[in-house]
PDB file of N, CA and C in Angstrom:
ATOM      1  N   UNK A   1       0.848  -1.170   0.000  1.00  0.00           N
ATOM      2  CA  UNK A   1       0.000   0.000   0.000  1.00  0.00           C
ATOM      3  C   UNK A   1       0.896   1.238   0.000  1.00  0.00           C
ATOM      4  N   UNK A   2       0.757   2.051  -0.991  1.00  0.00           N
ATOM      5  CA  UNK A   2       1.591   3.248  -1.078  1.00  0.00           C
ATOM      6  C   UNK A   2       0.795   4.464  -0.634  1.00  0.00           C
ATOM      7  N   UNK A   3       1.448   5.298   0.109  1.00  0.00           N
ATOM      8  CA  UNK A   3       0.804   6.535   0.567  1.00  0.00           C
ATOM      9  C   UNK A   3       1.073   7.632  -0.456  1.00  0.00           C
ATOM     10  N   UNK A   4       0.042   8.326  -0.810  1.00  0.00           N
ATOM     11  CA  UNK A   4       0.212   9.450  -1.725  1.00  0.00           C
ATOM     12  C   UNK A   4       0.277  10.728  -0.912  1.00  0.00           C
ATOM     13  N   UNK A   5       1.138  11.598  -1.317  1.00  0.00           N
ATOM     14  CA  UNK A   5       1.290  12.862  -0.615  1.00  0.00           C
ATOM     15  C   UNK A   5       0.283  13.859  -1.166  1.00  0.00           C
ATOM     16  N   UNK A   6      -0.314  14.578  -0.262  1.00  0.00           N
ATOM     17  CA  UNK A   6      -1.282  15.602  -0.671  1.00  0.00           C
ATOM     18  C   UNK A   6      -0.521  16.791  -1.256  1.00  0.00           C
ATOM     19  N   UNK A   7      -1.101  17.445  -2.247  1.00  0.00           N
ATOM     20  CA  UNK A   7      -0.436  18.628  -2.804  1.00  0.00           C
ATOM     21  C   UNK A   7      -0.418  19.760  -1.782  1.00  0.00           C
ATOM     22  N   UNK A   8       0.562  20.611  -1.907  1.00  0.00           N
ATOM     23  CA  UNK A   8       0.623  21.772  -1.025  1.00  0.00           C
ATOM     24  C   UNK A   8      -0.498  22.715  -1.443  1.00  0.00           C
ATOM     25  N   UNK A   9      -1.232  23.173  -0.462  1.00  0.00           N
ATOM     26  CA  UNK A   9      -2.385  24.036  -0.736  1.00  0.00           C
ATOM     27  C   UNK A   9      -1.944  25.358  -1.376  1.00  0.00           C
ATOM     28  N   UNK A  10      -2.664  25.781  -2.395  1.00  0.00           N
ATOM     29  CA  UNK A  10      -2.377  27.037  -3.085  1.00  0.00           C
ATOM     30  C   UNK A  10      -2.524  28.216  -2.134  1.00  0.00           C
ATOM     31  N   UNK A  11      -3.520  28.175  -1.284  1.00  0.00           N
ATOM     32  CA  UNK A  11      -3.759  29.269  -0.342  1.00  0.00           C
ATOM     33  C   UNK A  11      -2.618  29.400   0.661  1.00  0.00           C
ATOM     34  N   UNK A  12      -2.054  28.275   1.092  1.00  0.00           N
ATOM     35  CA  UNK A  12      -0.942  28.310   2.038  1.00  0.00           C
ATOM     36  C   UNK A  12       0.298  28.900   1.382  1.00  0.00           C
ATOM     37  N   UNK A  13       0.565  28.500   0.156  1.00  0.00           N
ATOM     38  CA  UNK A  13       1.725  29.031  -0.564  1.00  0.00           C
ATOM     39  C   UNK A  13       1.582  30.534  -0.767  1.00  0.00           C
ATOM     40  N   UNK A  14       0.413  30.972  -1.204  1.00  0.00           N
ATOM     41  CA  UNK A  14       0.192  32.395  -1.468  1.00  0.00           C
ATOM     42  C   UNK A  14       0.323  33.227  -0.196  1.00  0.00           C
ATOM     43  N   UNK A  15      -0.312  32.792   0.878  1.00  0.00           N
ATOM     44  CA  UNK A  15      -0.266  33.553   2.127  1.00  0.00           C
ATOM     45  C   UNK A  15       1.119  33.604   2.739  1.00  0.00           C
ATOM     46  N   UNK A  16       1.798  32.464   2.770  1.00  0.00           N
ATOM     47  CA  UNK A  16       3.136  32.409   3.355  1.00  0.00           C
ATOM     48  C   UNK A  16       4.139  33.221   2.542  1.00  0.00           C
ATOM     49  N   UNK A  17       4.084  33.082   1.239  1.00  0.00           N
ATOM     50  CA  UNK A  17       5.014  33.822   0.377  1.00  0.00           C
ATOM     51  C   UNK A  17       4.791  35.326   0.479  1.00  0.00           C
ATOM     52  N   UNK A  18       3.544  35.736   0.416  1.00  0.00           N
ATOM     53  CA  UNK A  18       3.249  37.172   0.508  1.00  0.00           C
ATOM     54  C   UNK A  18       3.657  37.738   1.861  1.00  0.00           C
ATOM     55  N   UNK A  19       3.430  36.985   2.930  1.00  0.00           N
ATOM     56  CA  UNK A  19       3.816  37.459   4.258  1.00  0.00           C
ATOM     57  C   UNK A  19       5.325  37.602   4.380  1.00  0.00           C
ATOM     58  N   UNK A  20       6.062  36.618   3.909  1.00  0.00           N
ATOM     59  CA  UNK A  20       7.517  36.658   4.012  1.00  0.00           C
ATOM     60  C   UNK A  20       8.113  37.788   3.175  1.00  0.00           C
ATOM     61  N   UNK A  21       7.672  37.907   1.939  1.00  0.00           N
ATOM     62  CA  UNK A  21       8.216  38.944   1.058  1.00  0.00           C
ATOM     63  C   UNK A  21       7.834  40.340   1.550  1.00  0.00           C
ATOM     64  N   UNK A  22       6.589  40.521   1.928  1.00  0.00           N
ATOM     65  CA  UNK A  22       6.134  41.824   2.413  1.00  0.00           C
ATOM     66  C   UNK A  22       6.839  42.210   3.713  1.00  0.00           C
ATOM     67  N   UNK A  23       7.012  41.248   4.607  1.00  0.00           N
ATOM     68  CA  UNK A  23       7.713  41.515   5.858  1.00  0.00           C
ATOM     69  C   UNK A  23       9.141  41.957   5.625  1.00  0.00           C
ATOM     70  N   UNK A  24       9.838  41.285   4.714  1.00  0.00           N
ATOM     71  CA  UNK A  24      11.219  41.664   4.414  1.00  0.00           C
ATOM     72  C   UNK A  24      11.307  43.040   3.755  1.00  0.00           C
ATOM     73  N   UNK A  25      10.412  43.318   2.829  1.00  0.00           N
ATOM     74  CA  UNK A  25      10.429  44.624   2.160  1.00  0.00           C
ATOM     75  C   UNK A  25      10.123  45.743   3.150  1.00  0.00           C
ATOM     76  N   UNK A  26       9.108  45.550   3.978  1.00  0.00           N
ATOM     77  CA  UNK A  26       8.748  46.577   4.955  1.00  0.00           C
ATOM     78  C   UNK A  26       9.863  46.776   5.979  1.00  0.00           C
ATOM     79  N   UNK A  27      10.469  45.679   6.431  1.00  0.00           N
ATOM     80  CA  UNK A  27      11.593  45.780   7.364  1.00  0.00           C
ATOM     81  C   UNK A  27      12.750  46.561   6.743  1.00  0.00           C
ATOM     82  N   UNK A  28      13.075  46.274   5.479  1.00  0.00           N
ATOM     83  CA  UNK A  28      14.164  46.984   4.808  1.00  0.00           C
ATOM     84  C   UNK A  28      13.850  48.470   4.669  1.00  0.00           C
ATOM     85  N   UNK A  29      12.600  48.802   4.344  1.00  0.00           N
ATOM     86  CA  UNK A  29      12.225  50.213   4.232  1.00  0.00           C
ATOM     87  C   UNK A  29      12.363  50.931   5.569  1.00  0.00           C
ATOM     88  N   UNK A  30      11.870  50.319   6.624  1.00  0.00           N
ATOM     89  CA  UNK A  30      11.930  50.951   7.950  1.00  0.00           C
ATOM     90  C   UNK A  30      13.373  51.055   8.433  1.00  0.00           C
ATOM     91  N   UNK A  31      14.204  50.078   8.094  1.00  0.00           N
ATOM     92  CA  UNK A  31      15.582  50.057   8.582  1.00  0.00           C
ATOM     93  C   UNK A  31      16.506  50.967   7.780  1.00  0.00           C
ATOM     94  N   UNK A  32      16.378  50.967   6.457  1.00  0.00           N
ATOM     95  CA  UNK A  32      17.375  51.626   5.618  1.00  0.00           C
ATOM     96  C   UNK A  32      16.934  52.918   4.943  1.00  0.00           C
ATOM     97  N   UNK A  33      15.665  53.184   4.820  1.00  0.00           N
ATOM     98  CA  UNK A  33      15.212  54.422   4.176  1.00  0.00           C
ATOM     99  C   UNK A  33      15.033  55.482   5.260  1.00  0.00           C
ATOM    100  N   UNK A  34      15.765  56.582   5.160  1.00  0.00           N
ATOM    101  CA  UNK A  34      15.726  57.592   6.227  1.00  0.00           C
ATOM    102  C   UNK A  34      14.336  58.153   6.511  1.00  0.00           C
ATOM    103  N   UNK A  35      13.511  58.322   5.507  1.00  0.00           N
ATOM    104  CA  UNK A  35      12.176  58.884   5.731  1.00  0.00           C
ATOM    105  C   UNK A  35      11.329  57.962   6.604  1.00  0.00           C
ATOM    106  N   UNK A  36      11.445  56.654   6.402  1.00  0.00           N
ATOM    107  CA  UNK A  36      10.716  55.706   7.241  1.00  0.00           C
ATOM    108  C   UNK A  36      11.340  55.604   8.624  1.00  0.00           C
ATOM    109  N   UNK A  37      12.677  55.642   8.662  1.00  0.00           N
ATOM    110  CA  UNK A  37      13.391  55.449   9.927  1.00  0.00           C
ATOM    111  C   UNK A  37      13.187  56.617  10.887  1.00  0.00           C
ATOM    112  N   UNK A  38      13.268  57.831  10.385  1.00  0.00           N
ATOM    113  CA  UNK A  38      13.162  58.993  11.274  1.00  0.00           C
ATOM    114  C   UNK A  38      11.732  59.528  11.374  1.00  0.00           C
ATOM    115  N   UNK A  39      10.876  59.187  10.443  1.00  0.00           N
ATOM    116  CA  UNK A  39       9.527  59.725  10.429  1.00  0.00           C
ATOM    117  C   UNK A  39       8.519  58.934  11.247  1.00  0.00           C
ATOM    118  N   UNK A  40       8.898  57.766  11.721  1.00  0.00           N
ATOM    119  CA  UNK A  40       7.982  56.924  12.481  1.00  0.00           C
ATOM    120  C   UNK A  40       8.414  56.833  13.941  1.00  0.00           C
ATOM    121  N   UNK A  41       7.458  56.766  14.855  1.00  0.00           N
ATOM    122  CA  UNK A  41       7.823  56.498  16.246  1.00  0.00           C
ATOM    123  C   UNK A  41       8.472  55.113  16.352  1.00  0.00           C
ATOM    124  N   UNK A  42       9.412  54.920  17.264  1.00  0.00           N
ATOM    125  CA  UNK A  42      10.106  53.624  17.352  1.00  0.00           C
ATOM    126  C   UNK A  42       9.161  52.428  17.582  1.00  0.00           C
ATOM    127  N   UNK A  43       8.113  52.613  18.355  1.00  0.00           N
ATOM    128  CA  UNK A  43       7.197  51.493  18.594  1.00  0.00           C
ATOM    129  C   UNK A  43       6.450  51.106  17.322  1.00  0.00           C
ATOM    130  N   UNK A  44       6.071  52.077  16.509  1.00  0.00           N
ATOM    131  CA  UNK A  44       5.392  51.792  15.245  1.00  0.00           C
ATOM    132  C   UNK A  44       6.364  51.176  14.240  1.00  0.00           C
ATOM    133  N   UNK A  45       7.597  51.659  14.212  1.00  0.00           N
ATOM    134  CA  UNK A  45       8.594  51.116  13.288  1.00  0.00           C
ATOM    135  C   UNK A  45       8.892  49.652  13.604  1.00  0.00           C
ATOM    136  N   UNK A  46       8.801  49.258  14.876  1.00  0.00           N
ATOM    137  CA  UNK A  46       9.059  47.873  15.248  1.00  0.00           C
ATOM    138  C   UNK A  46       7.904  46.952  14.854  1.00  0.00           C
ATOM    139  N   UNK A  47       6.679  47.450  14.896  1.00  0.00           N
ATOM    140  CA  UNK A  47       5.496  46.624  14.640  1.00  0.00           C
ATOM    141  C   UNK A  47       5.079  46.648  13.172  1.00  0.00           C
ATOM    142  N   UNK A  48       5.420  47.682  12.449  1.00  0.00           N
ATOM    143  CA  UNK A  48       4.944  47.877  11.077  1.00  0.00           C
ATOM    144  C   UNK A  48       5.239  46.699  10.140  1.00  0.00           C
ATOM    145  N   UNK A  49       6.454  46.145  10.102  1.00  0.00           N
ATOM    146  CA  UNK A  49       6.682  45.022   9.176  1.00  0.00           C
ATOM    147  C   UNK A  49       5.769  43.828   9.447  1.00  0.00           C
ATOM    148  N   UNK A  50       5.535  43.508  10.708  1.00  0.00           N
ATOM    149  CA  UNK A  50       4.679  42.365  11.044  1.00  0.00           C
ATOM    150  C   UNK A  50       3.218  42.645  10.715  1.00  0.00           C
ATOM    151  N   UNK A  51       2.773  43.857  10.988  1.00  0.00           N
ATOM    152  CA  UNK A  51       1.371  44.201  10.726  1.00  0.00           C
ATOM    153  C   UNK A  51       1.071  44.188   9.229  1.00  0.00           C
ATOM    154  N   UNK A  52       1.931  44.803   8.444  1.00  0.00           N
ATOM    155  CA  UNK A  52       1.715  44.861   6.995  1.00  0.00           C
ATOM    156  C   UNK A  52       1.797  43.455   6.397  1.00  0.00           C
ATOM    157  N   UNK A  53       2.771  42.660   6.847  1.00  0.00           N
ATOM    158  CA  UNK A  53       2.915  41.292   6.327  1.00  0.00           C
ATOM    159  C   UNK A  53       1.707  40.436   6.673  1.00  0.00           C
ATOM    160  N   UNK A  54       1.179  40.591   7.876  1.00  0.00           N
ATOM    161  CA  UNK A  54      -0.003  39.811   8.274  1.00  0.00           C
ATOM    162  C   UNK A  54      -1.214  40.186   7.436  1.00  0.00           C
ATOM    163  N   UNK A  55      -1.426  41.464   7.237  1.00  0.00           N
ATOM    164  CA  UNK A  55      -2.581  41.930   6.472  1.00  0.00           C
ATOM    165  C   UNK A  55      -2.490  41.475   5.015  1.00  0.00           C
ATOM    166  N   UNK A  56      -1.348  41.711   4.367  1.00  0.00           N
ATOM    167  CA  UNK A  56      -1.221  41.335   2.959  1.00  0.00           C
ATOM    168  C   UNK A  56      -1.170  39.824   2.767  1.00  0.00           C
ATOM    169  N   UNK A  57      -0.586  39.097   3.708  1.00  0.00           N
ATOM    170  CA  UNK A  57      -0.589  37.636   3.623  1.00  0.00           C
ATOM    171  C   UNK A  57      -1.987  37.068   3.738  1.00  0.00           C
ATOM    172  N   UNK A  58      -2.777  37.631   4.643  1.00  0.00           N
ATOM    173  CA  UNK A  58      -4.165  37.168   4.798  1.00  0.00           C
ATOM    174  C   UNK A  58      -4.991  37.469   3.556  1.00  0.00           C
ATOM    175  N   UNK A  59      -4.820  38.639   2.999  1.00  0.00           N
ATOM    176  CA  UNK A  59      -5.570  39.005   1.789  1.00  0.00           C
ATOM    177  C   UNK A  59      -5.179  38.105   0.621  1.00  0.00           C
ATOM    178  N   UNK A  60      -3.891  37.850   0.447  1.00  0.00           N
ATOM    179  CA  UNK A  60      -3.470  37.012  -0.682  1.00  0.00           C
ATOM    180  C   UNK A  60      -3.928  35.567  -0.504  1.00  0.00           C
ATOM    181  N   UNK A  61      -3.939  35.064   0.728  1.00  0.00           N
ATOM    182  CA  UNK A  61      -4.439  33.706   0.961  1.00  0.00           C
ATOM    183  C   UNK A  61      -5.938  33.625   0.707  1.00  0.00           C
ATOM    184  N   UNK A  62      -6.666  34.655   1.061  1.00  0.00           N
ATOM    185  CA  UNK A  62      -8.109  34.682   0.832  1.00  0.00           C
ATOM    186  C   UNK A  62      -8.427  34.705  -0.666  1.00  0.00           C
ATOM    187  N   UNK A  63      -7.642  35.459  -1.433  1.00  0.00           N
ATOM    188  CA  UNK A  63      -7.912  35.600  -2.863  1.00  0.00           C
ATOM    189  C   UNK A  63      -7.369  34.459  -3.715  1.00  0.00           C
ATOM    190  N   UNK A  64      -6.466  33.653  -3.182  1.00  0.00           N
ATOM    191  CA  UNK A  64      -5.889  32.549  -3.957  1.00  0.00           C
ATOM    192  C   UNK A  64      -6.945  31.478  -4.200  1.00  0.00           C
ATOM    193  N   UNK A  65      -6.854  30.786  -5.339  1.00  0.00           N
ATOM    194  CA  UNK A  65      -7.840  29.734  -5.625  1.00  0.00           C
ATOM    195  C   UNK A  65      -7.608  28.510  -4.738  1.00  0.00           C
ATOM    196  N   UNK A  66      -8.660  27.748  -4.527  1.00  0.00           N
ATOM    197  CA  UNK A  66      -8.550  26.503  -3.770  1.00  0.00           C
ATOM    198  C   UNK A  66      -7.798  25.460  -4.591  1.00  0.00           C
ATOM    199  N   UNK A  67      -7.127  24.557  -3.905  1.00  0.00           N
ATOM    200  CA  UNK A  67      -6.442  23.454  -4.567  1.00  0.00           C
ATOM    201  C   UNK A  67      -7.481  22.398  -4.949  1.00  0.00           C
ATOM    202  N   UNK A  68      -7.541  22.007  -6.232  1.00  0.00           N
ATOM    203  CA  UNK A  68      -8.532  21.002  -6.630  1.00  0.00           C
ATOM    204  C   UNK A  68      -8.176  19.638  -6.032  1.00  0.00           C
ATOM    205  N   UNK A  69      -9.195  18.893  -5.685  1.00  0.00           N
ATOM    206  CA  UNK A  69      -9.000  17.572  -5.091  1.00  0.00           C
ATOM    207  C   UNK A  69      -9.887  16.558  -5.786  1.00  0.00           C
ATOM    208  N   UNK A  70      -9.393  15.336  -5.816  1.00  0.00           N
ATOM    209  CA  UNK A  70     -10.186  14.239  -6.355  1.00  0.00           C
ATOM    210  C   UNK A  70     -11.192  13.810  -5.287  1.00  0.00           C
ATOM    211  N   UNK A  71     -12.308  13.310  -5.720  1.00  0.00           N
ATOM    212  CA  UNK A  71     -13.316  12.838  -4.771  1.00  0.00           C
ATOM    213  C   UNK A  71     -12.778  11.613  -4.038  1.00  0.00           C
ATOM    214  N   UNK A  72     -13.015  11.565  -2.743  1.00  0.00           N
ATOM    215  CA  UNK A  72     -12.557  10.447  -1.931  1.00  0.00           C
ATOM    216  C   UNK A  72     -13.721   9.490  -1.735  1.00  0.00           C
ATOM    217  N   UNK A  73     -13.483   8.242  -2.067  1.00  0.00           N
ATOM    218  CA  UNK A  73     -14.528   7.234  -1.936  1.00  0.00           C
ATOM    219  C   UNK A  73     -14.412   6.595  -0.552  1.00  0.00           C
ATOM    220  N   UNK A  74     -15.523   6.503   0.136  1.00  0.00           N
ATOM    221  CA  UNK A  74     -15.542   5.893   1.460  1.00  0.00           C
ATOM    222  C   UNK A  74     -15.312   4.395   1.342  1.00  0.00           C
ATOM    223  N   UNK A  75     -14.650   3.791   2.330  1.00  0.00           N
ATOM    224  CA  UNK A  75     -14.463   2.341   2.290  1.00  0.00           C
ATOM    225  C   UNK A  75     -15.807   1.613   2.332  1.00  0.00           C
ATOM    226  N   UNK A  76     -15.868   0.448   1.718  1.00  0.00           N
ATOM    227  CA  UNK A  76     -17.136  -0.296   1.640  1.00  0.00           C
ATOM    228  C   UNK A  76     -17.656  -0.712   3.010  1.00  0.00           C
ATOM    229  N   UNK A  77     -16.780  -1.031   3.939  1.00  0.00           N
ATOM    230  CA  UNK A  77     -17.237  -1.477   5.263  1.00  0.00           C
ATOM    231  C   UNK A  77     -17.854  -0.324   6.053  1.00  0.00           C
ATOM    232  N   UNK A  78     -17.590   0.916   5.677  1.00  0.00           N
ATOM    233  CA  UNK A  78     -18.186   2.058   6.382  1.00  0.00           C
ATOM    234  C   UNK A  78     -19.625   2.275   5.961  1.00  0.00           C
ATOM    235  N   UNK A  79     -20.034   1.750   4.820  1.00  0.00           N
ATOM    236  CA  UNK A  79     -21.390   1.963   4.316  1.00  0.00           C
ATOM    237  C   UNK A  79     -22.401   1.068   4.991  1.00  0.00           C
ATOM    238  N   UNK A  80     -21.987   0.050   5.712  1.00  0.00           N
ATOM    239  CA  UNK A  80     -22.925  -0.903   6.339  1.00  0.00           C
ATOM    240  C   UNK A  80     -23.554  -0.354   7.561  1.00  0.00           C
TER     241      UNK A  80
END
């Protein structure tokens, strides 16, 4: 009996990728761009990368299509 691996969900890939990329971009802007670094309060500058990444990751996961699946047939002994 061979086990088949389930495909990675499209929504998980979209949300995780968007969160990681957005978090890194926002962190780089806050750290290296003087307007972001000096124009924001320190507490907001620390939270901003995580907040933006969470919001955009959630939106991209919501908008991503569902992963198609084959219909699963119940075992015959369960039908009795």
